[in-house]
Amino acid sequence: MELPEELVKLAEERIAPYDTEGLVIGAGNENGDIMIVGEAPGEQEAVEGKPFIGRAGKELDKQLEYLGLTREDVYITSAVRSRPYKWVKTNKKGTGGKRKANRKPNQKEILAHAPILDYQIAKMNPHLIIALGSVAYERLTGRKDKMTKIVGSPIETPVKKLIETDGKDYTYTEKSYTIIPLYHPAAVFYNPVIKDEIYQALDRVKDHLMK
């Protein structure tokens, strides 16, 4: 999806003070009915400029296949477009004893890239938005519901957007969208016991898509 140059420039300026790298706009079918919103790029995504191409991306592909979808059927984007990182210690040779590790984006970083997501939602006008994880869900809805209580359940709601493109305050869209929260694909790596719950949630998404 092409973005106005001034929007990209603004995003780069606003994210500059924070420990982030790369810029991933999104990829997929911008003329389709389904938008998938993730959290933020990881290391591989930041280097190649493509969303979900690492380990979590392979898991996402499995979940899409289970739903009868491919990447060509959906548009994939995220709350933050640059990889948030932190420095951690490592024993790996040639690193100087430290390396960059992924971390959860903070609210200022989410705000910095909010205009891009606002623009993409307005332009695509998706019939369904799948929110991968609590960061994406809260960015979209402003709600802090417990994921275990809502995963896989369709919610009709306006979505958060900035009042002014270069501002700091949010409002909500006049239009309501259908949002289905799912666990982030990487969640199964850290908590394998939720695999059954993930596929039960995907079954509910299937039911929604068949309506």
Protein backbone atom coordinates (compact mmCIF):
# COMPACT_ATOMS: atom_id res chain seq x y z
CA MET A 1 0.00 0.00 0.00
CA GLU A 2 1.44 3.32 -1.06
CA LEU A 3 1.56 5.95 1.68
CA PRO A 4 1.82 9.72 1.31
CA GLU A 5 5.49 10.74 1.61
CA GLU A 6 4.70 13.26 4.33
CA LEU A 7 3.09 10.51 6.43
CA VAL A 8 6.17 8.30 6.21
CA LYS A 9 8.45 11.24 7.00
CA LEU A 10 6.35 12.16 10.02
CA ALA A 11 6.46 8.58 11.29
CA GLU A 12 10.25 8.41 10.91
CA GLU A 13 10.67 11.71 12.74
CA ARG A 14 8.40 10.71 15.61
CA ILE A 15 9.98 7.28 16.12
CA ALA A 16 13.58 8.61 15.95
CA PRO A 17 14.01 9.28 19.71
CA TYR A 18 13.35 5.65 20.59
CA ASP A 19 15.42 2.47 20.35
CA THR A 20 13.91 1.09 17.15
CA GLU A 21 15.16 0.17 13.69
CA GLY A 22 13.80 -0.44 10.21
CA LEU A 23 10.45 0.52 8.71
CA VAL A 24 7.86 -2.04 7.62
CA ILE A 25 4.80 -0.54 5.96
CA GLY A 26 2.82 -3.74 5.39
CA ALA A 27 2.12 -6.29 2.66
CA GLY A 28 -0.67 -8.24 1.05
CA ASN A 29 -4.01 -7.57 -0.57
CA GLU A 30 -5.02 -4.00 0.20
CA ASN A 31 -8.18 -4.50 -1.86
CA GLY A 32 -9.27 -7.52 0.17
CA ASP A 33 -11.70 -7.82 3.04
CA ILE A 34 -9.34 -8.83 5.87
CA MET A 35 -6.66 -6.79 7.62
CA ILE A 36 -4.30 -8.42 10.11
CA VAL A 37 -2.70 -6.10 12.67
CA GLY A 38 0.34 -7.34 14.58
CA GLU A 39 2.50 -5.75 17.27
CA ALA A 40 5.80 -4.69 15.67
CA PRO A 41 8.49 -6.08 13.35
CA GLY A 42 11.19 -8.40 14.60
CA GLU A 43 14.83 -8.53 13.52
CA GLN A 44 14.30 -10.22 10.15
CA GLU A 45 11.31 -8.05 9.32
CA ALA A 46 13.24 -4.87 10.09
CA VAL A 47 16.09 -5.93 7.79
CA GLU A 48 13.96 -7.05 4.85
CA GLY A 49 11.07 -4.60 5.25
CA LYS A 50 8.41 -7.33 5.14
CA PRO A 51 5.96 -8.32 7.89
CA PHE A 52 5.95 -11.73 9.59
CA ILE A 53 8.79 -13.47 7.75
CA GLY A 54 10.53 -14.98 10.76
CA ARG A 55 9.57 -17.84 13.04
CA ALA A 56 6.28 -16.19 14.02
CA GLY A 57 5.56 -15.65 10.34
CA LYS A 58 5.73 -19.38 9.65
CA GLU A 59 3.26 -19.96 12.47
CA LEU A 60 0.99 -17.26 11.03
CA ASP A 61 1.12 -19.01 7.64
CA LYS A 62 -0.03 -22.25 9.31
CA GLN A 63 -2.93 -20.44 10.94
CA LEU A 64 -3.93 -18.76 7.69
CA GLU A 65 -3.85 -22.13 5.92
CA TYR A 66 -6.10 -23.55 8.65
CA LEU A 67 -8.55 -20.73 7.90
CA GLY A 68 -8.38 -21.48 4.19
CA LEU A 69 -6.51 -18.24 3.50
CA THR A 70 -3.14 -17.19 2.10
CA ARG A 71 -1.13 -14.00 2.41
CA GLU A 72 -2.58 -12.97 -0.95
CA ASP A 73 -6.04 -12.88 0.64
CA VAL A 74 -5.19 -10.54 3.52
CA TYR A 75 -3.32 -7.33 4.23
CA ILE A 76 -0.77 -7.59 7.05
CA THR A 77 0.36 -4.57 9.03
CA SER A 78 1.15 -3.66 12.66
CA ALA A 79 0.71 -1.13 15.44
CA VAL A 80 4.41 -0.13 15.26
CA ARG A 81 6.42 -0.27 12.01
CA SER A 82 9.96 -0.22 13.40
CA ARG A 83 11.52 -2.98 15.47
CA PRO A 84 11.68 -2.01 19.17
CA TYR A 85 14.84 -3.41 20.71
CA LYS A 86 16.83 -3.47 23.93
CA TRP A 87 20.46 -4.30 24.56
CA VAL A 88 21.13 -7.58 26.38
CA LYS A 89 24.28 -9.43 27.33
CA THR A 90 25.58 -12.26 25.15
CA ASN A 91 28.58 -14.59 25.08
CA LYS A 92 28.59 -14.80 21.28
CA LYS A 93 31.99 -13.98 19.79
CA GLY A 94 32.42 -10.75 17.85
CA THR A 95 29.47 -8.98 19.48
CA GLY A 96 31.32 -7.04 22.16
CA GLY A 97 29.30 -8.85 24.81
CA LYS A 98 25.90 -7.44 23.89
CA ARG A 99 23.19 -7.83 21.28
CA LYS A 100 19.83 -6.34 20.35
CA ALA A 101 16.77 -8.24 21.55
CA ASN A 102 13.13 -7.67 20.67
CA ARG A 103 10.92 -5.96 23.22
CA LYS A 104 7.32 -4.87 23.54
CA PRO A 105 6.67 -1.39 22.05
CA ASN A 106 5.73 1.40 24.44
CA GLN A 107 2.81 3.79 24.08
CA LYS A 108 4.97 6.60 22.66
CA GLU A 109 6.22 4.31 19.90
CA ILE A 110 2.66 3.21 19.15
CA LEU A 111 1.63 6.87 18.99
CA ALA A 112 4.52 7.68 16.64
CA HIS A 113 3.20 5.27 14.03
CA ALA A 114 -0.51 5.68 14.73
CA PRO A 115 -1.09 7.88 11.65
CA ILE A 116 0.05 5.09 9.33
CA LEU A 117 -2.42 2.57 10.75
CA ASP A 118 -5.17 5.22 10.75
CA TYR A 119 -4.50 5.85 7.07
CA GLN A 120 -4.40 2.18 6.12
CA ILE A 121 -7.65 1.33 7.90
CA ALA A 122 -9.44 4.29 6.31
CA LYS A 123 -8.11 3.47 2.84
CA MET A 124 -8.69 -0.28 2.94
CA ASN A 125 -11.97 -0.17 4.89
CA PRO A 126 -11.70 -3.86 5.82
CA HIS A 127 -14.74 -6.01 6.58
CA LEU A 128 -12.72 -7.78 9.28
CA ILE A 129 -9.67 -6.80 11.32
CA ILE A 130 -7.77 -9.57 13.10
CA ALA A 131 -5.77 -8.22 16.04
CA LEU A 132 -2.77 -10.41 16.86
CA GLY A 133 -2.08 -9.99 20.56
CA SER A 134 -2.98 -7.50 23.25
CA VAL A 135 -0.85 -4.63 21.89
CA ALA A 136 -2.70 -4.63 18.57
CA TYR A 137 -6.08 -5.17 20.25
CA GLU A 138 -5.60 -2.27 22.68
CA ARG A 139 -4.28 0.01 19.91
CA LEU A 140 -7.41 -0.64 17.89
CA THR A 141 -10.08 -0.66 20.58
CA GLY A 142 -8.61 1.24 23.52
CA ARG A 143 -9.73 -1.68 25.69
CA LYS A 144 -7.63 -3.79 28.04
CA ASP A 145 -9.74 -6.94 28.06
CA LYS A 146 -8.00 -10.12 29.13
CA MET A 147 -7.05 -12.03 25.98
CA THR A 148 -8.11 -15.38 27.46
CA LYS A 149 -11.66 -14.02 27.79
CA ILE A 150 -12.02 -12.57 24.27
CA VAL A 151 -9.74 -14.56 21.95
CA GLY A 152 -11.59 -15.62 18.81
CA SER A 153 -14.72 -13.60 19.61
CA PRO A 154 -15.91 -10.99 17.05
CA ILE A 155 -16.37 -7.49 18.47
CA GLU A 156 -18.21 -4.68 16.69
CA THR A 157 -16.53 -1.42 17.68
CA PRO A 158 -15.20 1.91 16.44
CA VAL A 159 -11.40 1.99 16.35
CA LYS A 160 -8.99 4.46 17.85
CA LYS A 161 -7.50 7.12 15.61
CA LEU A 162 -5.55 10.31 16.20
CA ILE A 163 -7.62 13.50 16.26
CA GLU A 164 -4.81 15.20 14.33
CA THR A 165 -2.21 13.36 12.25
CA ASP A 166 0.66 15.01 14.11
CA GLY A 167 -1.16 15.14 17.43
CA LYS A 168 -1.06 13.10 20.64
CA ASP A 169 -4.73 12.60 21.45
CA TYR A 170 -6.97 9.83 20.19
CA THR A 171 -10.63 9.74 19.33
CA TYR A 172 -12.70 6.98 17.70
CA THR A 173 -13.88 6.43 14.16
CA GLU A 174 -17.53 7.09 13.38
CA LYS A 175 -17.70 3.71 11.66
CA SER A 176 -17.68 0.44 13.59
CA TYR A 177 -15.48 -2.43 12.45
CA THR A 178 -15.54 -6.14 13.19
CA ILE A 179 -12.44 -7.02 15.18
CA ILE A 180 -11.43 -10.53 16.19
CA PRO A 181 -8.57 -10.77 18.70
CA LEU A 182 -6.21 -13.73 18.45
CA TYR A 183 -3.05 -14.62 20.32
CA HIS A 184 0.11 -13.38 18.66
CA PRO A 185 1.55 -16.27 16.61
CA ALA A 186 4.73 -16.20 18.72
CA ALA A 187 2.72 -16.92 21.89
CA VAL A 188 2.73 -20.66 21.24
CA PHE A 189 6.56 -20.70 21.38
CA TYR A 190 6.56 -19.37 24.94
CA ASN A 191 3.42 -21.15 26.13
CA PRO A 192 2.84 -24.36 24.12
CA VAL A 193 -0.13 -25.39 26.28
CA ILE A 194 -2.31 -22.76 24.58
CA LYS A 195 -2.12 -24.50 21.19
CA ASP A 196 -5.56 -26.09 21.60
CA GLU A 197 -7.01 -22.75 22.65
CA ILE A 198 -5.46 -21.09 19.58
CA TYR A 199 -7.15 -23.53 17.22
CA GLN A 200 -10.46 -23.30 19.06
CA ALA A 201 -10.26 -19.53 18.48
CA LEU A 202 -9.40 -20.11 14.81
CA ASP A 203 -12.51 -22.31 14.52
CA ARG A 204 -14.58 -19.34 15.70
CA VAL A 205 -12.90 -17.18 13.06
CA LYS A 206 -13.80 -19.84 10.47
CA ASP A 207 -17.42 -19.72 11.59
CA HIS A 208 -17.43 -15.93 11.21
CA LEU A 209 -15.88 -16.07 7.74
CA MET A 210 -18.51 -18.57 6.59
CA LYS A 211 -21.42 -16.29 7.54
